[in-house]
Amino acid sequence: MACAPLENLRLILADDHAVVRMGFRMLLEGAGAHVVAEADSGEAALTAFAEHRPDALLMDVSMPGIGGLAALERLLARSPDARVLMLSAHEDAQIPLRALRTGATGYLSKRAQPQELVRAVARIARGQRYVDPELAPQLALAQFGGNGDPADALTDKEFAVFLQLAQGNSVNQVATTHKLSPSTIGTHLYHIKQKLNATNAAELALIAVRSGLITV
């Protein structure tokens, strides 16, 4: 009898939606994996990873607190060999590019077919890179500056701050989340507005929506 594709793999699921985690767990454990922990925020994902040291972490980009991208950066600073598959409902090029550039082992859209998730997990657990085949052409074009996305001008830290501000968080809330001073976040905000030619929070939100980075 053939082995299950994910046999004996130890996984952590990080997503702020319990129903999504349940669906992922059923699919992955049906393919032979063992989900050793679940997390509903970036901070909880870091704690779970440190406790369980899984074969792979599946982490949503958009979560409460620091979010998936900042959690990925912190995780890899502590555990450079961590194997992480980033997941997102958004199909823009900005987020997957930044996730892969930060060091994610792979990236998959939540719109992918179930068997594609199993395939992605199997690959990253072996330490192989994985990119959603539906997004690969868009990512390749974006690498050469052909996406025309204004957010591409932002640094990774500015991009993380931009996403949180565009979602309606205040400067003080973002400062608390990232454990930085409000003045530091204010400086980031100044540069973000300059680079995106925006004058207020509403314009930042509009740019994020038009770029496909947040939904309304």
N, C-alpha and C. Protein backbone atom coordinates (compact mmCIF):
# COMPACT_ATOMS: atom_id res chain seq x y z
N MET A 1 0.85 -1.20 0.00
CA MET A 1 0.00 0.00 0.00
C MET A 1 0.89 1.25 0.00
N ALA A 2 0.57 2.22 -0.86
CA ALA A 2 1.38 3.43 -0.98
C ALA A 2 1.26 4.28 0.28
N CYS A 3 2.36 4.96 0.63
CA CYS A 3 2.36 5.83 1.80
C CYS A 3 1.53 7.09 1.52
N ALA A 4 0.92 7.63 2.56
CA ALA A 4 0.21 8.90 2.43
C ALA A 4 1.24 9.98 2.11
N PRO A 5 0.88 10.98 1.28
CA PRO A 5 1.85 11.98 0.84
C PRO A 5 2.49 12.79 1.97
N LEU A 6 1.77 12.94 3.08
CA LEU A 6 2.30 13.74 4.19
C LEU A 6 2.53 12.87 5.44
N GLU A 7 2.79 11.63 5.25
CA GLU A 7 2.89 10.69 6.37
C GLU A 7 3.92 11.14 7.41
N ASN A 8 3.44 11.20 8.67
CA ASN A 8 4.28 11.50 9.84
C ASN A 8 4.80 12.95 9.91
N LEU A 9 4.38 13.82 9.01
CA LEU A 9 4.81 15.21 9.09
C LEU A 9 4.09 15.91 10.25
N ARG A 10 4.84 16.69 11.02
CA ARG A 10 4.30 17.45 12.14
C ARG A 10 4.12 18.90 11.71
N LEU A 11 2.88 19.39 11.78
CA LEU A 11 2.57 20.71 11.23
C LEU A 11 1.93 21.61 12.29
N ILE A 12 2.10 22.92 12.09
CA ILE A 12 1.35 23.92 12.85
C ILE A 12 0.54 24.74 11.86
N LEU A 13 -0.72 25.01 12.22
CA LEU A 13 -1.60 25.83 11.40
C LEU A 13 -1.82 27.17 12.08
N ALA A 14 -1.55 28.26 11.37
CA ALA A 14 -1.75 29.60 11.92
C ALA A 14 -2.71 30.37 11.01
N ASP A 15 -3.92 30.59 11.51
CA ASP A 15 -4.94 31.33 10.78
C ASP A 15 -5.95 31.81 11.81
N ASP A 16 -6.44 33.04 11.66
CA ASP A 16 -7.34 33.57 12.68
C ASP A 16 -8.78 33.09 12.51
N HIS A 17 -9.06 32.29 11.50
CA HIS A 17 -10.41 31.75 11.31
C HIS A 17 -10.43 30.27 11.69
N ALA A 18 -11.20 29.94 12.74
CA ALA A 18 -11.24 28.57 13.24
C ALA A 18 -11.77 27.59 12.19
N VAL A 19 -12.73 28.03 11.40
CA VAL A 19 -13.31 27.14 10.38
C VAL A 19 -12.26 26.81 9.32
N VAL A 20 -11.44 27.79 8.95
CA VAL A 20 -10.37 27.54 7.98
C VAL A 20 -9.37 26.54 8.54
N ARG A 21 -8.98 26.73 9.80
CA ARG A 21 -8.03 25.80 10.43
C ARG A 21 -8.61 24.39 10.46
N MET A 22 -9.90 24.28 10.76
CA MET A 22 -10.53 22.97 10.81
C MET A 22 -10.48 22.28 9.45
N GLY A 23 -10.78 23.05 8.39
CA GLY A 23 -10.74 22.49 7.04
C GLY A 23 -9.33 22.05 6.67
N PHE A 24 -8.34 22.88 6.98
CA PHE A 24 -6.95 22.52 6.70
C PHE A 24 -6.55 21.27 7.47
N ARG A 25 -6.93 21.22 8.75
CA ARG A 25 -6.57 20.07 9.58
C ARG A 25 -7.14 18.77 9.00
N MET A 26 -8.40 18.79 8.63
CA MET A 26 -9.03 17.59 8.08
C MET A 26 -8.33 17.14 6.80
N LEU A 27 -8.02 18.10 5.94
CA LEU A 27 -7.37 17.78 4.67
C LEU A 27 -5.97 17.22 4.91
N LEU A 28 -5.18 17.89 5.74
CA LEU A 28 -3.78 17.52 5.93
C LEU A 28 -3.64 16.23 6.73
N GLU A 29 -4.46 16.07 7.76
CA GLU A 29 -4.39 14.82 8.52
C GLU A 29 -4.93 13.66 7.70
N GLY A 30 -5.85 13.94 6.79
CA GLY A 30 -6.32 12.90 5.87
C GLY A 30 -5.23 12.44 4.93
N ALA A 31 -4.23 13.32 4.71
CA ALA A 31 -3.09 12.97 3.84
C ALA A 31 -1.91 12.43 4.64
N GLY A 32 -2.13 12.19 5.95
CA GLY A 32 -1.11 11.53 6.75
C GLY A 32 -0.36 12.40 7.74
N ALA A 33 -0.58 13.72 7.70
CA ALA A 33 0.15 14.62 8.60
C ALA A 33 -0.47 14.61 10.00
N HIS A 34 0.26 15.18 10.95
CA HIS A 34 -0.23 15.35 12.31
C HIS A 34 -0.12 16.83 12.67
N VAL A 35 -1.26 17.48 12.91
CA VAL A 35 -1.26 18.89 13.30
C VAL A 35 -1.01 18.96 14.80
N VAL A 36 0.16 19.45 15.19
CA VAL A 36 0.55 19.45 16.60
C VAL A 36 0.07 20.68 17.35
N ALA A 37 -0.29 21.74 16.61
CA ALA A 37 -0.77 22.96 17.26
C ALA A 37 -1.45 23.86 16.25
N GLU A 38 -2.32 24.75 16.77
CA GLU A 38 -2.97 25.76 15.96
C GLU A 38 -2.74 27.12 16.60
N ALA A 39 -2.76 28.17 15.80
CA ALA A 39 -2.55 29.53 16.30
C ALA A 39 -3.48 30.47 15.56
N ASP A 40 -3.91 31.54 16.25
CA ASP A 40 -4.83 32.49 15.63
C ASP A 40 -4.23 33.87 15.47
N SER A 41 -2.91 34.00 15.67
CA SER A 41 -2.22 35.27 15.48
C SER A 41 -0.76 35.00 15.21
N GLY A 42 -0.05 36.04 14.74
CA GLY A 42 1.37 35.88 14.49
C GLY A 42 2.14 35.57 15.75
N GLU A 43 1.79 36.25 16.85
CA GLU A 43 2.46 36.02 18.12
C GLU A 43 2.25 34.59 18.60
N ALA A 44 1.01 34.09 18.48
CA ALA A 44 0.71 32.72 18.91
C ALA A 44 1.44 31.70 18.04
N ALA A 45 1.62 32.01 16.76
CA ALA A 45 2.35 31.12 15.87
C ALA A 45 3.81 31.00 16.29
N LEU A 46 4.41 32.12 16.69
CA LEU A 46 5.80 32.10 17.15
C LEU A 46 5.95 31.26 18.41
N THR A 47 5.01 31.42 19.34
CA THR A 47 5.05 30.65 20.58
C THR A 47 4.89 29.16 20.31
N ALA A 48 3.94 28.81 19.44
CA ALA A 48 3.69 27.40 19.11
C ALA A 48 4.89 26.78 18.41
N PHE A 49 5.52 27.55 17.52
CA PHE A 49 6.68 27.01 16.81
C PHE A 49 7.82 26.72 17.77
N ALA A 50 8.07 27.64 18.69
CA ALA A 50 9.16 27.45 19.66
C ALA A 50 8.90 26.23 20.54
N GLU A 51 7.63 25.97 20.84
CA GLU A 51 7.29 24.84 21.72
C GLU A 51 7.35 23.50 21.00
N HIS A 52 6.89 23.46 19.75
CA HIS A 52 6.72 22.17 19.07
C HIS A 52 7.78 21.86 18.01
N ARG A 53 8.46 22.88 17.49
CA ARG A 53 9.49 22.67 16.45
C ARG A 53 8.96 21.74 15.35
N PRO A 54 7.93 22.17 14.62
CA PRO A 54 7.30 21.30 13.62
C PRO A 54 8.16 21.13 12.37
N ASP A 55 7.73 20.21 11.51
CA ASP A 55 8.39 20.05 10.20
C ASP A 55 8.05 21.23 9.29
N ALA A 56 6.88 21.80 9.49
CA ALA A 56 6.48 22.95 8.67
C ALA A 56 5.40 23.75 9.39
N LEU A 57 5.38 25.04 9.10
CA LEU A 57 4.36 25.96 9.61
C LEU A 57 3.58 26.50 8.43
N LEU A 58 2.25 26.39 8.50
CA LEU A 58 1.38 26.99 7.49
C LEU A 58 0.79 28.24 8.13
N MET A 59 1.05 29.41 7.55
CA MET A 59 0.68 30.66 8.20
C MET A 59 0.00 31.63 7.25
N ASP A 60 -1.16 32.12 7.67
CA ASP A 60 -1.89 33.12 6.91
C ASP A 60 -1.17 34.47 6.99
N VAL A 61 -1.22 35.22 5.92
CA VAL A 61 -0.60 36.55 5.91
C VAL A 61 -1.37 37.52 6.79
N SER A 62 -2.69 37.52 6.69
CA SER A 62 -3.52 38.51 7.39
C SER A 62 -4.08 37.93 8.68
N MET A 63 -3.47 38.31 9.80
CA MET A 63 -3.93 37.88 11.12
C MET A 63 -3.83 39.05 12.09
N PRO A 64 -4.52 38.95 13.23
CA PRO A 64 -4.42 40.01 14.23
C PRO A 64 -2.99 40.16 14.74
N GLY A 65 -2.74 41.27 15.41
CA GLY A 65 -1.42 41.50 15.97
C GLY A 65 -0.42 41.88 14.90
N ILE A 66 0.76 41.31 14.96
CA ILE A 66 1.82 41.68 14.03
C ILE A 66 1.56 41.16 12.62
N GLY A 67 0.66 40.17 12.47
CA GLY A 67 0.36 39.65 11.14
C GLY A 67 1.39 38.62 10.71
N GLY A 68 1.09 37.95 9.60
CA GLY A 68 1.93 36.86 9.14
C GLY A 68 3.31 37.26 8.65
N LEU A 69 3.40 38.38 7.93
CA LEU A 69 4.70 38.78 7.37
C LEU A 69 5.70 39.14 8.46
N ALA A 70 5.26 39.92 9.45
CA ALA A 70 6.16 40.29 10.54
C ALA A 70 6.50 39.06 11.39
N ALA A 71 5.54 38.17 11.57
CA ALA A 71 5.81 36.94 12.32
C ALA A 71 6.83 36.08 11.58
N LEU A 72 6.73 36.03 10.25
CA LEU A 72 7.69 35.29 9.45
C LEU A 72 9.10 35.84 9.64
N GLU A 73 9.21 37.15 9.61
CA GLU A 73 10.52 37.79 9.77
C GLU A 73 11.13 37.46 11.14
N ARG A 74 10.31 37.55 12.19
CA ARG A 74 10.80 37.26 13.54
C ARG A 74 11.17 35.78 13.69
N LEU A 75 10.35 34.91 13.11
CA LEU A 75 10.61 33.48 13.20
C LEU A 75 11.94 33.11 12.56
N LEU A 76 12.18 33.63 11.36
CA LEU A 76 13.40 33.28 10.65
C LEU A 76 14.64 33.88 11.30
N ALA A 77 14.46 34.99 12.02
CA ALA A 77 15.58 35.57 12.76
C ALA A 77 16.01 34.63 13.88
N ARG A 78 15.04 33.90 14.45
CA ARG A 78 15.32 32.97 15.54
C ARG A 78 15.64 31.57 15.03
N SER A 79 14.93 31.16 13.98
CA SER A 79 15.07 29.80 13.44
C SER A 79 15.23 29.88 11.93
N PRO A 80 16.43 30.15 11.44
CA PRO A 80 16.65 30.35 10.00
C PRO A 80 16.26 29.16 9.13
N ASP A 81 16.24 27.96 9.71
CA ASP A 81 15.91 26.77 8.94
C ASP A 81 14.42 26.43 8.96
N ALA A 82 13.61 27.29 9.57
CA ALA A 82 12.17 27.02 9.64
C ALA A 82 11.58 26.93 8.24
N ARG A 83 10.69 25.97 8.05
CA ARG A 83 10.03 25.79 6.76
C ARG A 83 8.60 26.32 6.88
N VAL A 84 8.32 27.37 6.13
CA VAL A 84 7.05 28.09 6.28
C VAL A 84 6.35 28.23 4.94
N LEU A 85 5.10 27.80 4.91
CA LEU A 85 4.24 28.03 3.74
C LEU A 85 3.29 29.16 4.09
N MET A 86 3.43 30.29 3.39
CA MET A 86 2.55 31.42 3.63
C MET A 86 1.29 31.28 2.77
N LEU A 87 0.16 31.63 3.34
CA LEU A 87 -1.13 31.50 2.67
C LEU A 87 -1.85 32.84 2.68
N SER A 88 -2.60 33.13 1.62
CA SER A 88 -3.35 34.38 1.57
C SER A 88 -4.53 34.25 0.63
N ALA A 89 -5.59 34.99 0.95
CA ALA A 89 -6.75 35.04 0.06
C ALA A 89 -6.53 36.04 -1.06
N HIS A 90 -5.52 36.90 -0.94
CA HIS A 90 -5.24 37.92 -1.95
C HIS A 90 -4.33 37.35 -3.03
N GLU A 91 -4.51 37.82 -4.25
CA GLU A 91 -3.73 37.29 -5.36
C GLU A 91 -2.86 38.37 -6.01
N ASP A 92 -2.62 39.46 -5.29
CA ASP A 92 -1.73 40.48 -5.81
C ASP A 92 -0.30 39.97 -5.73
N ALA A 93 0.62 40.65 -6.41
CA ALA A 93 2.02 40.22 -6.43
C ALA A 93 2.80 40.71 -5.22
N GLN A 94 2.38 41.82 -4.61
CA GLN A 94 3.17 42.43 -3.54
C GLN A 94 3.41 41.50 -2.36
N ILE A 95 2.34 40.92 -1.83
CA ILE A 95 2.47 40.11 -0.61
C ILE A 95 3.29 38.85 -0.85
N PRO A 96 3.01 38.05 -1.90
CA PRO A 96 3.87 36.87 -2.10
C PRO A 96 5.32 37.22 -2.36
N LEU A 97 5.58 38.30 -3.10
CA LEU A 97 6.96 38.70 -3.35
C LEU A 97 7.67 39.02 -2.05
N ARG A 98 7.02 39.77 -1.18
CA ARG A 98 7.64 40.14 0.08
C ARG A 98 7.80 38.92 1.01
N ALA A 99 6.82 38.03 0.99
CA ALA A 99 6.92 36.83 1.82
C ALA A 99 8.11 35.97 1.37
N LEU A 100 8.24 35.77 0.07
CA LEU A 100 9.34 34.95 -0.45
C LEU A 100 10.68 35.64 -0.24
N ARG A 101 10.70 36.96 -0.40
CA ARG A 101 11.93 37.71 -0.21
C ARG A 101 12.37 37.67 1.26
N THR A 102 11.40 37.65 2.17
CA THR A 102 11.71 37.57 3.60
C THR A 102 12.29 36.21 3.96
N GLY A 103 11.92 35.19 3.19
CA GLY A 103 12.48 33.86 3.44
C GLY A 103 11.48 32.74 3.56
N ALA A 104 10.20 33.00 3.23
CA ALA A 104 9.21 31.92 3.24
C ALA A 104 9.65 30.81 2.30
N THR A 105 9.41 29.57 2.70
CA THR A 105 9.77 28.45 1.84
C THR A 105 8.81 28.35 0.66
N GLY A 106 7.57 28.77 0.88
CA GLY A 106 6.60 28.71 -0.20
C GLY A 106 5.45 29.66 0.02
N TYR A 107 4.64 29.82 -1.04
CA TYR A 107 3.48 30.71 -0.99
C TYR A 107 2.35 30.08 -1.79
N LEU A 108 1.14 30.07 -1.20
CA LEU A 108 -0.02 29.48 -1.87
C LEU A 108 -1.25 30.33 -1.63
N SER A 109 -2.02 30.55 -2.68
CA SER A 109 -3.29 31.25 -2.55
C SER A 109 -4.32 30.33 -1.90
N LYS A 110 -5.17 30.89 -1.06
CA LYS A 110 -6.23 30.10 -0.45
C LYS A 110 -7.29 29.68 -1.46
N ARG A 111 -7.22 30.23 -2.65
CA ARG A 111 -8.15 29.83 -3.70
C ARG A 111 -7.69 28.58 -4.43
N ALA A 112 -6.53 28.06 -4.07
CA ALA A 112 -5.99 26.87 -4.74
C ALA A 112 -6.84 25.65 -4.43
N GLN A 113 -6.72 24.64 -5.27
CA GLN A 113 -7.42 23.38 -5.07
C GLN A 113 -6.81 22.64 -3.87
N PRO A 114 -7.62 21.85 -3.15
CA PRO A 114 -7.11 21.13 -1.97
C PRO A 114 -5.86 20.31 -2.23
N GLN A 115 -5.81 19.61 -3.37
CA GLN A 115 -4.64 18.78 -3.66
C GLN A 115 -3.38 19.61 -3.84
N GLU A 116 -3.56 20.90 -4.21
CA GLU A 116 -2.40 21.77 -4.37
C GLU A 116 -1.80 22.12 -3.01
N LEU A 117 -2.65 22.25 -2.00
CA LEU A 117 -2.15 22.50 -0.64
C LEU A 117 -1.33 21.31 -0.16
N VAL A 118 -1.83 20.11 -0.39
CA VAL A 118 -1.09 18.91 0.01
C VAL A 118 0.25 18.85 -0.71
N ARG A 119 0.24 19.16 -2.00
CA ARG A 119 1.48 19.15 -2.79
C ARG A 119 2.47 20.19 -2.27
N ALA A 120 1.95 21.38 -1.94
CA ALA A 120 2.81 22.45 -1.44
C ALA A 120 3.46 22.07 -0.11
N VAL A 121 2.66 21.51 0.80
CA VAL A 121 3.18 21.12 2.11
C VAL A 121 4.24 20.03 1.97
N ALA A 122 3.99 19.07 1.11
CA ALA A 122 4.95 17.99 0.90
C ALA A 122 6.28 18.53 0.41
N ARG A 123 6.23 19.53 -0.46
CA ARG A 123 7.48 20.09 -1.00
C ARG A 123 8.23 20.91 0.03
N ILE A 124 7.55 21.81 0.71
CA ILE A 124 8.28 22.67 1.65
C ILE A 124 8.81 21.88 2.83
N ALA A 125 8.11 20.81 3.23
CA ALA A 125 8.58 19.99 4.33
C ALA A 125 9.89 19.30 3.98
N ARG A 126 10.15 19.13 2.69
CA ARG A 126 11.43 18.57 2.23
C ARG A 126 12.47 19.66 2.02
N GLY A 127 12.09 20.90 2.31
CA GLY A 127 13.01 22.01 2.15
C GLY A 127 13.06 22.56 0.74
N GLN A 128 12.09 22.18 -0.09
CA GLN A 128 12.05 22.67 -1.48
C GLN A 128 11.16 23.90 -1.57
N ARG A 129 11.54 24.81 -2.43
CA ARG A 129 10.74 26.02 -2.65
C ARG A 129 9.44 25.67 -3.38
N TYR A 130 8.39 26.45 -3.07
CA TYR A 130 7.11 26.24 -3.75
C TYR A 130 6.46 27.60 -3.98
N VAL A 131 5.98 27.80 -5.21
CA VAL A 131 5.23 29.01 -5.55
C VAL A 131 3.95 28.58 -6.25
N ASP A 132 2.85 29.11 -5.81
CA ASP A 132 1.54 28.82 -6.42
C ASP A 132 1.64 28.96 -7.93
N PRO A 133 1.38 27.90 -8.70
CA PRO A 133 1.51 27.97 -10.16
C PRO A 133 0.60 28.99 -10.81
N GLU A 134 -0.53 29.32 -10.16
CA GLU A 134 -1.43 30.33 -10.71
C GLU A 134 -0.86 31.74 -10.57
N LEU A 135 0.01 31.93 -9.57
CA LEU A 135 0.59 33.25 -9.33
C LEU A 135 1.97 33.42 -9.95
N ALA A 136 2.60 32.32 -10.34
CA ALA A 136 3.98 32.37 -10.82
C ALA A 136 4.20 33.37 -11.96
N PRO A 137 3.35 33.40 -13.00
CA PRO A 137 3.58 34.37 -14.07
C PRO A 137 3.52 35.82 -13.59
N GLN A 138 2.57 36.12 -12.70
CA GLN A 138 2.43 37.47 -12.17
C GLN A 138 3.65 37.85 -11.33
N LEU A 139 4.16 36.89 -10.56
CA LEU A 139 5.34 37.15 -9.74
C LEU A 139 6.57 37.38 -10.61
N ALA A 140 6.69 36.60 -11.67
CA ALA A 140 7.83 36.76 -12.56
C ALA A 140 7.82 38.15 -13.20
N LEU A 141 6.64 38.61 -13.60
CA LEU A 141 6.52 39.95 -14.19
C LEU A 141 6.86 41.03 -13.17
N ALA A 142 6.37 40.84 -11.94
CA ALA A 142 6.61 41.83 -10.89
C ALA A 142 8.10 41.93 -10.55
N GLN A 143 8.83 40.84 -10.68
CA GLN A 143 10.26 40.85 -10.39
C GLN A 143 11.00 41.82 -11.30
N PHE A 144 10.46 42.03 -12.49
CA PHE A 144 11.09 42.93 -13.45
C PHE A 144 10.44 44.31 -13.46
N GLY A 145 9.64 44.56 -12.42
CA GLY A 145 9.05 45.89 -12.29
C GLY A 145 7.90 46.13 -13.23
N GLY A 146 7.26 45.06 -13.70
CA GLY A 146 6.19 45.24 -14.66
C GLY A 146 4.81 45.28 -14.05
N ASN A 147 4.72 45.30 -12.70
CA ASN A 147 3.39 45.26 -12.10
C ASN A 147 2.80 46.64 -11.88
N GLY A 148 3.63 47.70 -11.88
CA GLY A 148 3.12 49.05 -11.71
C GLY A 148 2.47 49.30 -10.37
N ASP A 149 2.81 48.55 -9.35
CA ASP A 149 2.20 48.67 -8.03
C ASP A 149 2.92 49.77 -7.26
N PRO A 150 2.20 50.80 -6.82
CA PRO A 150 2.86 51.90 -6.10
C PRO A 150 3.51 51.44 -4.79
N ALA A 151 2.95 50.39 -4.16
CA ALA A 151 3.50 49.92 -2.89
C ALA A 151 4.87 49.28 -3.04
N ASP A 152 5.27 49.03 -4.26
CA ASP A 152 6.59 48.43 -4.49
C ASP A 152 7.71 49.38 -4.05
N ALA A 153 7.40 50.66 -3.93
CA ALA A 153 8.42 51.64 -3.53
C ALA A 153 8.70 51.59 -2.03
N LEU A 154 7.86 50.90 -1.26
CA LEU A 154 8.02 50.85 0.19
C LEU A 154 9.02 49.79 0.62
N THR A 155 9.74 50.08 1.70
CA THR A 155 10.59 49.05 2.31
C THR A 155 9.67 48.02 2.98
N ASP A 156 10.24 46.89 3.38
CA ASP A 156 9.42 45.86 4.02
C ASP A 156 8.79 46.36 5.31
N LYS A 157 9.54 47.13 6.10
CA LYS A 157 8.97 47.67 7.35
C LYS A 157 7.88 48.69 7.04
N GLU A 158 8.10 49.55 6.05
CA GLU A 158 7.08 50.51 5.66
C GLU A 158 5.84 49.80 5.14
N PHE A 159 6.04 48.73 4.41
CA PHE A 159 4.92 47.98 3.85
C PHE A 159 4.07 47.38 4.98
N ALA A 160 4.72 46.82 6.00
CA ALA A 160 3.99 46.25 7.13
C ALA A 160 3.18 47.33 7.85
N VAL A 161 3.77 48.49 8.05
CA VAL A 161 3.07 49.61 8.69
C VAL A 161 1.93 50.10 7.80
N PHE A 162 2.20 50.22 6.52
CA PHE A 162 1.19 50.66 5.55
C PHE A 162 -0.05 49.76 5.59
N LEU A 163 0.15 48.45 5.61
CA LEU A 163 -0.99 47.52 5.64
C LEU A 163 -1.84 47.74 6.88
N GLN A 164 -1.19 47.90 8.02
CA GLN A 164 -1.95 48.05 9.26
C GLN A 164 -2.67 49.40 9.33
N LEU A 165 -2.02 50.45 8.86
CA LEU A 165 -2.68 51.76 8.83
C LEU A 165 -3.84 51.76 7.84
N ALA A 166 -3.66 51.12 6.70
CA ALA A 166 -4.71 51.06 5.68
C ALA A 166 -5.92 50.28 6.16
N GLN A 167 -5.70 49.38 7.12
CA GLN A 167 -6.80 48.60 7.68
C GLN A 167 -7.52 49.33 8.81
N GLY A 168 -7.10 50.57 9.09
CA GLY A 168 -7.80 51.40 10.06
C GLY A 168 -7.17 51.47 11.43
N ASN A 169 -5.99 50.87 11.61
CA ASN A 169 -5.31 50.96 12.90
C ASN A 169 -4.68 52.34 13.07
N SER A 170 -4.64 52.83 14.29
CA SER A 170 -4.03 54.13 14.57
C SER A 170 -2.51 53.98 14.69
N VAL A 171 -1.82 55.12 14.67
CA VAL A 171 -0.37 55.10 14.84
C VAL A 171 0.00 54.44 16.17
N ASN A 172 -0.73 54.77 17.24
CA ASN A 172 -0.44 54.19 18.55
C ASN A 172 -0.68 52.69 18.57
N GLN A 173 -1.74 52.23 17.90
CA GLN A 173 -2.01 50.80 17.84
C GLN A 173 -0.91 50.05 17.09
N VAL A 174 -0.46 50.62 15.97
CA VAL A 174 0.61 49.99 15.20
C VAL A 174 1.90 49.98 16.01
N ALA A 175 2.17 51.06 16.72
CA ALA A 175 3.37 51.14 17.56
C ALA A 175 3.35 50.06 18.63
N THR A 176 2.21 49.87 19.27
CA THR A 176 2.08 48.84 20.30
C THR A 176 2.28 47.45 19.72
N THR A 177 1.67 47.20 18.59
CA THR A 177 1.77 45.88 17.95
C THR A 177 3.21 45.53 17.61
N HIS A 178 3.94 46.49 17.05
CA HIS A 178 5.31 46.23 16.59
C HIS A 178 6.37 46.56 17.65
N LYS A 179 5.90 46.96 18.85
CA LYS A 179 6.80 47.27 19.95
C LYS A 179 7.81 48.36 19.55
N LEU A 180 7.27 49.39 18.91
CA LEU A 180 8.06 50.55 18.51
C LEU A 180 7.42 51.80 19.10
N SER A 181 8.14 52.90 19.10
CA SER A 181 7.57 54.14 19.62
C SER A 181 6.63 54.75 18.59
N PRO A 182 5.61 55.50 19.03
CA PRO A 182 4.72 56.19 18.09
C PRO A 182 5.48 57.12 17.15
N SER A 183 6.56 57.73 17.64
CA SER A 183 7.32 58.64 16.79
C SER A 183 7.99 57.88 15.64
N THR A 184 8.44 56.65 15.92
CA THR A 184 9.04 55.83 14.85
C THR A 184 7.99 55.47 13.80
N ILE A 185 6.80 55.09 14.26
CA ILE A 185 5.72 54.78 13.32
C ILE A 185 5.33 56.03 12.56
N GLY A 186 5.33 57.18 13.24
CA GLY A 186 5.02 58.44 12.57
C GLY A 186 6.02 58.76 11.47
N THR A 187 7.28 58.44 11.71
CA THR A 187 8.30 58.65 10.68
C THR A 187 8.04 57.73 9.48
N HIS A 188 7.72 56.47 9.77
CA HIS A 188 7.38 55.54 8.69
C HIS A 188 6.18 56.07 7.90
N LEU A 189 5.18 56.56 8.62
CA LEU A 189 3.97 57.08 7.97
C LEU A 189 4.31 58.25 7.06
N TYR A 190 5.18 59.13 7.51
CA TYR A 190 5.60 60.27 6.68
C TYR A 190 6.21 59.79 5.37
N HIS A 191 7.13 58.82 5.47
CA HIS A 191 7.78 58.31 4.25
C HIS A 191 6.79 57.57 3.35
N ILE A 192 5.86 56.84 3.98
CA ILE A 192 4.84 56.12 3.20
C ILE A 192 4.01 57.11 2.39
N LYS A 193 3.55 58.17 3.05
CA LYS A 193 2.73 59.17 2.35
C LYS A 193 3.51 59.82 1.22
N GLN A 194 4.78 60.11 1.46
CA GLN A 194 5.62 60.71 0.43
C GLN A 194 5.74 59.78 -0.77
N LYS A 195 6.03 58.52 -0.52
CA LYS A 195 6.26 57.57 -1.61
C LYS A 195 4.98 57.23 -2.37
N LEU A 196 3.85 57.23 -1.67
CA LEU A 196 2.58 56.86 -2.31
C LEU A 196 1.77 58.08 -2.75
N ASN A 197 2.30 59.26 -2.47
CA ASN A 197 1.61 60.50 -2.83
C ASN A 197 0.21 60.55 -2.21
N ALA A 198 0.16 60.19 -0.93
CA ALA A 198 -1.11 60.18 -0.19
C ALA A 198 -1.05 61.25 0.90
N THR A 199 -2.21 61.79 1.25
CA THR A 199 -2.24 62.85 2.26
C THR A 199 -2.93 62.43 3.55
N ASN A 200 -3.71 61.35 3.52
CA ASN A 200 -4.42 60.94 4.73
C ASN A 200 -4.68 59.43 4.74
N ALA A 201 -5.28 58.94 5.83
CA ALA A 201 -5.52 57.52 6.00
C ALA A 201 -6.49 56.97 4.95
N ALA A 202 -7.47 57.78 4.58
CA ALA A 202 -8.45 57.32 3.59
C ALA A 202 -7.77 57.04 2.24
N GLU A 203 -6.83 57.89 1.86
CA GLU A 203 -6.12 57.66 0.59
C GLU A 203 -5.22 56.43 0.67
N LEU A 204 -4.62 56.20 1.84
CA LEU A 204 -3.81 54.99 2.01
C LEU A 204 -4.69 53.74 1.86
N ALA A 205 -5.87 53.79 2.46
CA ALA A 205 -6.79 52.65 2.35
C ALA A 205 -7.21 52.43 0.90
N LEU A 206 -7.47 53.51 0.18
CA LEU A 206 -7.87 53.40 -1.22
C LEU A 206 -6.76 52.77 -2.06
N ILE A 207 -5.54 53.18 -1.82
CA ILE A 207 -4.39 52.61 -2.55
C ILE A 207 -4.27 51.11 -2.26
N ALA A 208 -4.45 50.75 -0.99
CA ALA A 208 -4.35 49.32 -0.61
C ALA A 208 -5.44 48.50 -1.27
N VAL A 209 -6.66 49.05 -1.34
CA VAL A 209 -7.77 48.34 -1.99
C VAL A 209 -7.52 48.19 -3.48
N ARG A 210 -7.10 49.28 -4.14
CA ARG A 210 -6.85 49.23 -5.58
C ARG A 210 -5.71 48.28 -5.94
N SER A 211 -4.76 48.12 -5.00
CA SER A 211 -3.65 47.21 -5.23
C SER A 211 -3.98 45.77 -4.88
N GLY A 212 -5.20 45.55 -4.35
CA GLY A 212 -5.61 44.20 -3.99
C GLY A 212 -5.03 43.72 -2.68
N LEU A 213 -4.52 44.64 -1.85
CA LEU A 213 -3.87 44.25 -0.60
C LEU A 213 -4.86 44.07 0.54
N ILE A 214 -6.00 44.78 0.48
CA ILE A 214 -7.06 44.59 1.46
C ILE A 214 -8.38 44.60 0.70
N THR A 215 -9.40 44.05 1.33
CA THR A 215 -10.73 44.03 0.72
C THR A 215 -11.68 44.86 1.57
N VAL A 216 -12.76 45.30 0.94
CA VAL A 216 -13.74 46.11 1.66
C VAL A 216 -15.09 45.43 1.61
